[in-house]
Amino acid sequence: QLQLVESGGGSVQPGGSLRLSCAASGFTLRYSVIAWFHQAPGKDREGVSCIFAGGDGTHYADSVKGRFTIARDNAENTVYLQMNNLKPEDAGTYYCAASVVPYPPSCTTEDSKGRYNRWGQGTQVTVSS
């Protein structure tokens, strides 16, 4: 069974950091496009970052550039999202998603949610003082 499991969410003060993890089972993340989406309360799910299939190419939404870093650990079959200098508007639920048969192998955060055929259950991030 192809599955994604997120972890690492929590509650931090503005300016704090969190590292989210997205662990895969049943398939190899290295050959998939992996994206992180953010859903604020009452709003639609939006892409914040993604990493290309088979390589190290990445893309970030303007709102997180310079603060968030996506990385893949092939040995652990896990993708991480390092989030620094968190702001209150970063709060919400974070989902990782995989395009298991990725074409094209590149990605942007503007890609439709429909290109992703596997989703995790989400992890909650709270940013408040």
Protein backbone atom coordinates (compact mmCIF):
# COMPACT_ATOMS: atom_id res chain seq x y z
CA GLN A 1 0.00 0.00 0.00
CA LEU A 2 1.35 3.40 -0.97
CA GLN A 3 1.30 5.66 2.05
CA LEU A 4 2.66 8.99 3.30
CA VAL A 5 2.89 9.88 6.97
CA GLU A 6 3.69 13.40 8.17
CA SER A 7 5.09 14.31 11.55
CA GLY A 8 6.86 17.17 13.27
CA GLY A 9 4.09 19.69 13.69
CA GLY A 10 3.67 21.59 16.91
CA SER A 11 3.29 24.95 18.53
CA VAL A 12 5.97 27.65 18.35
CA GLN A 13 6.30 31.37 18.90
CA PRO A 14 6.78 33.73 15.98
CA GLY A 15 10.37 33.50 14.81
CA GLY A 16 10.63 29.88 15.86
CA SER A 17 11.45 26.81 13.79
CA LEU A 18 9.98 23.41 13.07
CA ARG A 19 11.03 20.51 10.87
CA LEU A 20 8.26 18.51 9.26
CA SER A 21 8.84 14.97 8.02
CA CYS A 22 7.06 13.03 5.30
CA ALA A 23 7.86 9.33 5.38
CA ALA A 24 6.81 7.06 2.55
CA SER A 25 5.99 3.37 2.52
CA GLY A 26 5.22 1.18 -0.44
CA PHE A 27 7.11 3.32 -2.95
CA THR A 28 10.40 5.20 -3.35
CA LEU A 29 10.24 8.95 -2.82
CA ARG A 30 13.34 9.52 -4.90
CA TYR A 31 11.41 8.81 -8.11
CA SER A 32 8.40 10.90 -7.21
CA VAL A 33 7.63 14.60 -7.19
CA ILE A 34 6.95 15.49 -3.57
CA ALA A 35 5.17 18.65 -2.48
CA TRP A 36 4.21 20.29 0.77
CA PHE A 37 0.87 22.08 0.96
CA HIS A 38 -0.38 24.48 3.61
CA GLN A 39 -4.02 24.86 4.55
CA ALA A 40 -4.91 27.75 6.82
CA PRO A 41 -8.23 27.60 8.68
CA GLY A 42 -11.09 28.37 6.29
CA LYS A 43 -8.83 28.56 3.25
CA ASP A 44 -7.90 26.36 0.33
CA ARG A 45 -4.84 24.13 0.35
CA GLU A 46 -1.86 25.91 -1.26
CA GLY A 47 1.51 24.61 -2.37
CA VAL A 48 4.49 25.96 -0.42
CA SER A 49 7.34 23.84 -1.74
CA CYS A 50 8.14 20.87 -3.95
CA ILE A 51 11.13 18.77 -4.97
CA PHE A 52 11.73 17.27 -8.39
CA ALA A 53 11.64 13.57 -9.08
CA GLY A 54 15.05 11.96 -9.47
CA GLY A 55 16.99 15.12 -8.67
CA ASP A 56 17.49 18.01 -6.31
CA GLY A 57 15.53 20.69 -8.09
CA THR A 58 13.16 22.56 -5.81
CA HIS A 59 10.54 25.28 -5.96
CA TYR A 60 9.12 27.55 -3.28
CA ALA A 61 6.17 29.83 -2.95
CA ASP A 62 7.20 33.48 -2.65
CA SER A 63 5.74 33.62 0.86
CA VAL A 64 8.25 31.08 2.20
CA LYS A 65 11.37 31.74 0.10
CA GLY A 66 14.42 32.19 2.30
CA ARG A 67 12.62 30.71 5.32
CA PHE A 68 11.63 27.16 4.32
CA THR A 69 13.87 24.42 2.90
CA ILE A 70 12.72 21.16 1.36
CA ALA A 71 15.11 18.22 1.28
CA ARG A 72 14.97 14.51 0.58
CA ASP A 73 16.81 11.76 2.44
CA ASN A 74 16.87 8.82 0.06
CA ALA A 75 18.22 6.40 2.66
CA GLU A 76 15.33 7.23 4.99
CA ASN A 77 12.78 7.47 2.15
CA THR A 78 11.68 10.72 3.75
CA VAL A 79 11.23 14.31 2.64
CA TYR A 80 11.67 17.11 5.14
CA LEU A 81 10.45 20.68 5.31
CA GLN A 82 12.63 22.87 7.52
CA MET A 83 10.63 25.93 8.52
CA ASN A 84 12.50 28.85 10.05
CA ASN A 85 11.41 32.32 11.15
CA LEU A 86 7.81 31.16 11.37
CA LYS A 87 5.07 33.75 11.16
CA PRO A 88 1.48 33.62 12.45
CA GLU A 89 0.25 33.31 8.86
CA ASP A 90 2.22 30.05 8.53
CA ALA A 91 -0.13 28.38 11.00
CA GLY A 92 -2.44 25.63 9.78
CA THR A 93 -2.28 22.08 8.57
CA TYR A 94 0.63 20.92 6.42
CA TYR A 95 0.20 18.05 4.02
CA CYS A 96 2.77 16.23 1.96
CA ALA A 97 1.76 14.82 -1.39
CA ALA A 98 3.38 12.60 -3.98
CA SER A 99 3.09 12.34 -7.72
CA VAL A 100 4.10 8.71 -7.91
CA VAL A 101 4.28 8.55 -11.70
CA PRO A 102 5.79 11.97 -12.22
CA TYR A 103 5.56 13.58 -15.59
CA PRO A 104 7.07 16.05 -15.90
CA PRO A 105 9.70 15.31 -13.24
CA SER A 106 9.87 19.00 -12.40
CA CYS A 107 7.34 20.88 -10.29
CA THR A 108 6.21 24.28 -9.15
CA THR A 109 4.05 25.30 -6.24
CA GLU A 110 1.44 26.42 -8.78
CA ASP A 111 0.86 22.85 -9.93
CA SER A 112 -2.67 21.59 -9.53
CA LYS A 113 -3.42 19.47 -6.48
CA GLY A 114 -4.79 16.98 -9.00
CA ARG A 115 -1.30 15.96 -10.16
CA TYR A 116 -0.67 14.40 -6.76
CA ASN A 117 -2.11 10.94 -6.23
CA ARG A 118 -0.95 10.21 -2.71
CA TRP A 119 -1.55 12.43 0.31
CA GLY A 120 -0.63 12.25 3.94
CA GLN A 121 -3.02 12.87 6.81
CA GLY A 122 -1.58 16.29 7.68
CA THR A 123 0.29 17.71 10.64
CA GLN A 124 -0.77 20.78 12.59
CA VAL A 125 1.40 23.88 13.02
CA THR A 126 0.51 26.66 15.46
CA VAL A 127 2.42 29.94 15.54
CA SER A 128 1.44 32.31 18.29
CA SER A 129 2.90 34.27 21.17
